Amino acid sequence: MTRPSPARRRTARAVRAAGDVLRTAAPVGPIVVVLFHIDTVDGPHLALPLLHLVVVLLAGLGVDRLGLLLLGLGHHIERHRPDTAS
């Protein structure tokens, strides 16, 4: 098996970097939403409907899964060469 071209390695590295960024940022969104909806009047409590909280948490999981997908795609790009006609 031949080594991937430099352009292919750069593309794979960029896709993996995007996946890393998404995986790192995935928990930030739900944390920020919860922090902005803490109500301190009459004691601290969450002023966010439960359904909205569930949607925010699921969105965070979706972003995390997208990051995993991009990481896998980056590995795939670097390892597998396309079939080319010679």
N, C-alpha and C. Protein backbone atom coordinates (compact mmCIF):
# COMPACT_ATOMS: atom_id res chain seq x y z
N MET A 1 0.85 -1.18 0.00
CA MET A 1 0.00 0.00 0.00
C MET A 1 0.89 1.24 0.00
N THR A 2 0.59 2.18 -0.84
CA THR A 2 1.39 3.40 -0.92
C THR A 2 0.92 4.40 0.12
N ARG A 3 1.82 5.32 0.42
CA ARG A 3 1.47 6.36 1.39
C ARG A 3 0.51 7.37 0.76
N PRO A 4 -0.40 7.92 1.56
CA PRO A 4 -1.32 8.93 1.01
C PRO A 4 -0.55 10.19 0.61
N SER A 5 -1.09 10.89 -0.34
CA SER A 5 -0.45 12.12 -0.81
C SER A 5 -0.50 13.18 0.30
N PRO A 6 0.38 14.18 0.21
CA PRO A 6 0.36 15.25 1.22
C PRO A 6 -0.99 15.98 1.28
N ALA A 7 -1.62 16.18 0.13
CA ALA A 7 -2.93 16.85 0.13
C ALA A 7 -3.97 16.01 0.85
N ARG A 8 -3.91 14.70 0.64
CA ARG A 8 -4.85 13.80 1.30
C ARG A 8 -4.62 13.79 2.81
N ARG A 9 -3.35 13.81 3.23
CA ARG A 9 -3.05 13.86 4.66
C ARG A 9 -3.52 15.17 5.27
N ARG A 10 -3.32 16.29 4.56
CA ARG A 10 -3.79 17.58 5.07
C ARG A 10 -5.30 17.61 5.21
N THR A 11 -6.00 17.07 4.21
CA THR A 11 -7.47 17.02 4.26
C THR A 11 -7.93 16.18 5.45
N ALA A 12 -7.30 15.01 5.61
CA ALA A 12 -7.67 14.14 6.73
C ALA A 12 -7.40 14.83 8.06
N ARG A 13 -6.28 15.51 8.15
CA ARG A 13 -5.94 16.21 9.40
C ARG A 13 -6.95 17.32 9.70
N ALA A 14 -7.38 18.05 8.65
CA ALA A 14 -8.35 19.13 8.84
C ALA A 14 -9.71 18.58 9.28
N VAL A 15 -10.13 17.46 8.69
CA VAL A 15 -11.42 16.87 9.06
C VAL A 15 -11.36 16.36 10.50
N ARG A 16 -10.24 15.72 10.87
CA ARG A 16 -10.10 15.25 12.26
C ARG A 16 -10.06 16.42 13.24
N ALA A 17 -9.43 17.52 12.85
CA ALA A 17 -9.38 18.70 13.72
C ALA A 17 -10.78 19.28 13.92
N ALA A 18 -11.58 19.31 12.86
CA ALA A 18 -12.97 19.78 13.00
C ALA A 18 -13.75 18.87 13.94
N GLY A 19 -13.52 17.56 13.83
CA GLY A 19 -14.17 16.62 14.75
C GLY A 19 -13.75 16.85 16.19
N ASP A 20 -12.46 17.11 16.40
CA ASP A 20 -11.98 17.39 17.76
C ASP A 20 -12.62 18.65 18.33
N VAL A 21 -12.72 19.68 17.50
CA VAL A 21 -13.34 20.94 17.96
C VAL A 21 -14.80 20.70 18.34
N LEU A 22 -15.53 19.97 17.51
CA LEU A 22 -16.94 19.70 17.82
C LEU A 22 -17.08 18.88 19.09
N ARG A 23 -16.24 17.87 19.27
CA ARG A 23 -16.32 17.04 20.47
C ARG A 23 -15.99 17.85 21.71
N THR A 24 -15.07 18.81 21.60
CA THR A 24 -14.72 19.65 22.73
C THR A 24 -15.84 20.64 23.04
N ALA A 25 -16.47 21.17 22.01
CA ALA A 25 -17.51 22.19 22.19
C ALA A 25 -18.88 21.62 22.53
N ALA A 26 -19.09 20.33 22.32
CA ALA A 26 -20.42 19.73 22.51
C ALA A 26 -21.00 19.98 23.90
N PRO A 27 -20.26 19.81 24.99
CA PRO A 27 -20.87 20.04 26.30
C PRO A 27 -21.04 21.51 26.66
N VAL A 28 -20.40 22.41 25.92
CA VAL A 28 -20.46 23.83 26.28
C VAL A 28 -21.87 24.39 26.09
N GLY A 29 -22.55 24.05 25.01
CA GLY A 29 -23.89 24.58 24.74
C GLY A 29 -24.89 24.29 25.85
N PRO A 30 -25.06 23.01 26.23
CA PRO A 30 -26.00 22.73 27.32
C PRO A 30 -25.62 23.40 28.64
N ILE A 31 -24.32 23.48 28.93
CA ILE A 31 -23.89 24.12 30.18
C ILE A 31 -24.25 25.60 30.18
N VAL A 32 -24.01 26.28 29.06
CA VAL A 32 -24.33 27.70 28.95
C VAL A 32 -25.83 27.92 29.07
N VAL A 33 -26.64 27.09 28.43
CA VAL A 33 -28.09 27.24 28.50
C VAL A 33 -28.57 27.08 29.94
N VAL A 34 -28.06 26.08 30.63
CA VAL A 34 -28.47 25.87 32.02
C VAL A 34 -28.04 27.04 32.89
N LEU A 35 -26.81 27.53 32.71
CA LEU A 35 -26.34 28.65 33.52
C LEU A 35 -27.17 29.92 33.28
N PHE A 36 -27.58 30.16 32.04
CA PHE A 36 -28.38 31.34 31.76
C PHE A 36 -29.82 31.22 32.27
N HIS A 37 -30.27 30.02 32.60
CA HIS A 37 -31.63 29.83 33.05
C HIS A 37 -31.73 29.51 34.54
N ILE A 38 -30.68 29.72 35.28
CA ILE A 38 -30.76 29.55 36.74
C ILE A 38 -31.40 30.80 37.32
N ASP A 39 -32.48 30.61 38.04
CA ASP A 39 -33.21 31.72 38.64
C ASP A 39 -32.92 31.72 40.14
N THR A 40 -32.44 32.84 40.66
CA THR A 40 -32.07 32.90 42.08
C THR A 40 -33.16 33.51 42.96
N VAL A 41 -34.27 33.94 42.36
CA VAL A 41 -35.37 34.47 43.15
C VAL A 41 -36.03 33.30 43.89
N ASP A 42 -36.26 33.44 45.17
CA ASP A 42 -36.85 32.39 46.00
C ASP A 42 -35.96 31.14 46.01
N GLY A 43 -34.67 31.32 46.03
CA GLY A 43 -33.75 30.19 46.05
C GLY A 43 -33.39 29.76 44.65
N PRO A 44 -32.22 29.19 44.49
CA PRO A 44 -31.79 28.80 43.14
C PRO A 44 -32.61 27.63 42.59
N HIS A 45 -33.12 27.81 41.41
CA HIS A 45 -33.82 26.75 40.70
C HIS A 45 -33.71 27.02 39.20
N LEU A 46 -33.98 26.02 38.42
CA LEU A 46 -33.86 26.12 36.97
C LEU A 46 -35.17 26.62 36.39
N ALA A 47 -35.12 27.78 35.73
CA ALA A 47 -36.31 28.37 35.13
C ALA A 47 -36.39 27.98 33.66
N LEU A 48 -36.32 26.68 33.40
CA LEU A 48 -36.34 26.17 32.04
C LEU A 48 -37.25 24.95 32.04
N PRO A 49 -38.23 24.92 31.15
CA PRO A 49 -39.11 23.74 31.11
C PRO A 49 -38.29 22.47 30.85
N LEU A 50 -38.73 21.38 31.41
CA LEU A 50 -38.01 20.12 31.30
C LEU A 50 -37.85 19.70 29.84
N LEU A 51 -38.87 19.91 29.03
CA LEU A 51 -38.79 19.52 27.63
C LEU A 51 -37.68 20.30 26.91
N HIS A 52 -37.56 21.59 27.21
CA HIS A 52 -36.51 22.39 26.60
C HIS A 52 -35.13 21.89 27.03
N LEU A 53 -35.01 21.51 28.29
CA LEU A 53 -33.74 20.98 28.79
C LEU A 53 -33.37 19.68 28.07
N VAL A 54 -34.36 18.82 27.86
CA VAL A 54 -34.12 17.56 27.16
C VAL A 54 -33.67 17.84 25.72
N VAL A 55 -34.31 18.80 25.05
CA VAL A 55 -33.93 19.14 23.67
C VAL A 55 -32.51 19.67 23.63
N VAL A 56 -32.14 20.51 24.58
CA VAL A 56 -30.78 21.07 24.61
C VAL A 56 -29.76 19.95 24.85
N LEU A 57 -30.05 19.03 25.73
CA LEU A 57 -29.13 17.92 26.00
C LEU A 57 -29.00 17.00 24.79
N LEU A 58 -30.12 16.73 24.12
CA LEU A 58 -30.06 15.91 22.91
C LEU A 58 -29.27 16.59 21.79
N ALA A 59 -29.41 17.91 21.69
CA ALA A 59 -28.63 18.64 20.69
C ALA A 59 -27.13 18.54 21.00
N GLY A 60 -26.77 18.61 22.28
CA GLY A 60 -25.38 18.44 22.66
C GLY A 60 -24.86 17.06 22.29
N LEU A 61 -25.68 16.04 22.50
CA LEU A 61 -25.29 14.69 22.10
C LEU A 61 -25.14 14.57 20.59
N GLY A 62 -26.02 15.23 19.86
CA GLY A 62 -25.94 15.21 18.40
C GLY A 62 -24.65 15.86 17.90
N VAL A 63 -24.26 16.96 18.51
CA VAL A 63 -23.01 17.62 18.13
C VAL A 63 -21.83 16.72 18.44
N ASP A 64 -21.89 16.02 19.58
CA ASP A 64 -20.82 15.10 19.94
C ASP A 64 -20.72 13.96 18.93
N ARG A 65 -21.85 13.42 18.52
CA ARG A 65 -21.85 12.34 17.52
C ARG A 65 -21.33 12.83 16.18
N LEU A 66 -21.64 14.07 15.81
CA LEU A 66 -21.12 14.64 14.58
C LEU A 66 -19.59 14.74 14.65
N GLY A 67 -19.08 15.12 15.81
CA GLY A 67 -17.63 15.16 16.00
C GLY A 67 -17.00 13.79 15.84
N LEU A 68 -17.65 12.76 16.39
CA LEU A 68 -17.14 11.40 16.23
C LEU A 68 -17.16 10.97 14.77
N LEU A 69 -18.22 11.34 14.06
CA LEU A 69 -18.32 11.02 12.64
C LEU A 69 -17.19 11.67 11.85
N LEU A 70 -16.88 12.93 12.15
CA LEU A 70 -15.80 13.61 11.45
C LEU A 70 -14.45 12.99 11.77
N LEU A 71 -14.24 12.58 13.02
CA LEU A 71 -13.00 11.90 13.38
C LEU A 71 -12.84 10.62 12.56
N GLY A 72 -13.88 9.83 12.49
CA GLY A 72 -13.84 8.60 11.70
C GLY A 72 -13.63 8.87 10.22
N LEU A 73 -14.27 9.91 9.71
CA LEU A 73 -14.10 10.26 8.31
C LEU A 73 -12.66 10.67 8.02
N GLY A 74 -12.06 11.42 8.93
CA GLY A 74 -10.67 11.81 8.76
C GLY A 74 -9.74 10.61 8.70
N HIS A 75 -9.97 9.63 9.57
CA HIS A 75 -9.17 8.41 9.54
C HIS A 75 -9.41 7.64 8.24
N HIS A 76 -10.65 7.61 7.78
CA HIS A 76 -10.99 6.91 6.54
C HIS A 76 -10.30 7.57 5.34
N ILE A 77 -10.32 8.89 5.30
CA ILE A 77 -9.70 9.61 4.19
C ILE A 77 -8.22 9.29 4.10
N GLU A 78 -7.56 9.23 5.24
CA GLU A 78 -6.12 9.01 5.22
C GLU A 78 -5.76 7.56 4.90
N ARG A 79 -6.58 6.62 5.30
CA ARG A 79 -6.22 5.20 5.15
C ARG A 79 -6.62 4.61 3.80
N HIS A 80 -7.73 5.03 3.24
CA HIS A 80 -8.25 4.37 2.04
C HIS A 80 -8.01 5.24 0.82
N ARG A 81 -7.42 4.62 -0.16
CA ARG A 81 -7.16 5.33 -1.42
C ARG A 81 -8.31 5.06 -2.38
N PRO A 82 -8.73 6.07 -3.12
CA PRO A 82 -9.80 5.84 -4.10
C PRO A 82 -9.29 4.98 -5.25
N ASP A 83 -10.17 4.24 -5.86
CA ASP A 83 -9.81 3.46 -7.05
C ASP A 83 -9.65 4.44 -8.21
N THR A 84 -8.49 4.42 -8.81
CA THR A 84 -8.24 5.30 -9.94
C THR A 84 -7.91 4.45 -11.17
N ALA A 85 -8.34 4.93 -12.29
CA ALA A 85 -8.04 4.22 -13.54
C ALA A 85 -6.61 4.53 -13.95
N SER A 86 -5.88 3.50 -14.36
CA SER A 86 -4.52 3.76 -14.79
C SER A 86 -4.34 3.46 -16.25
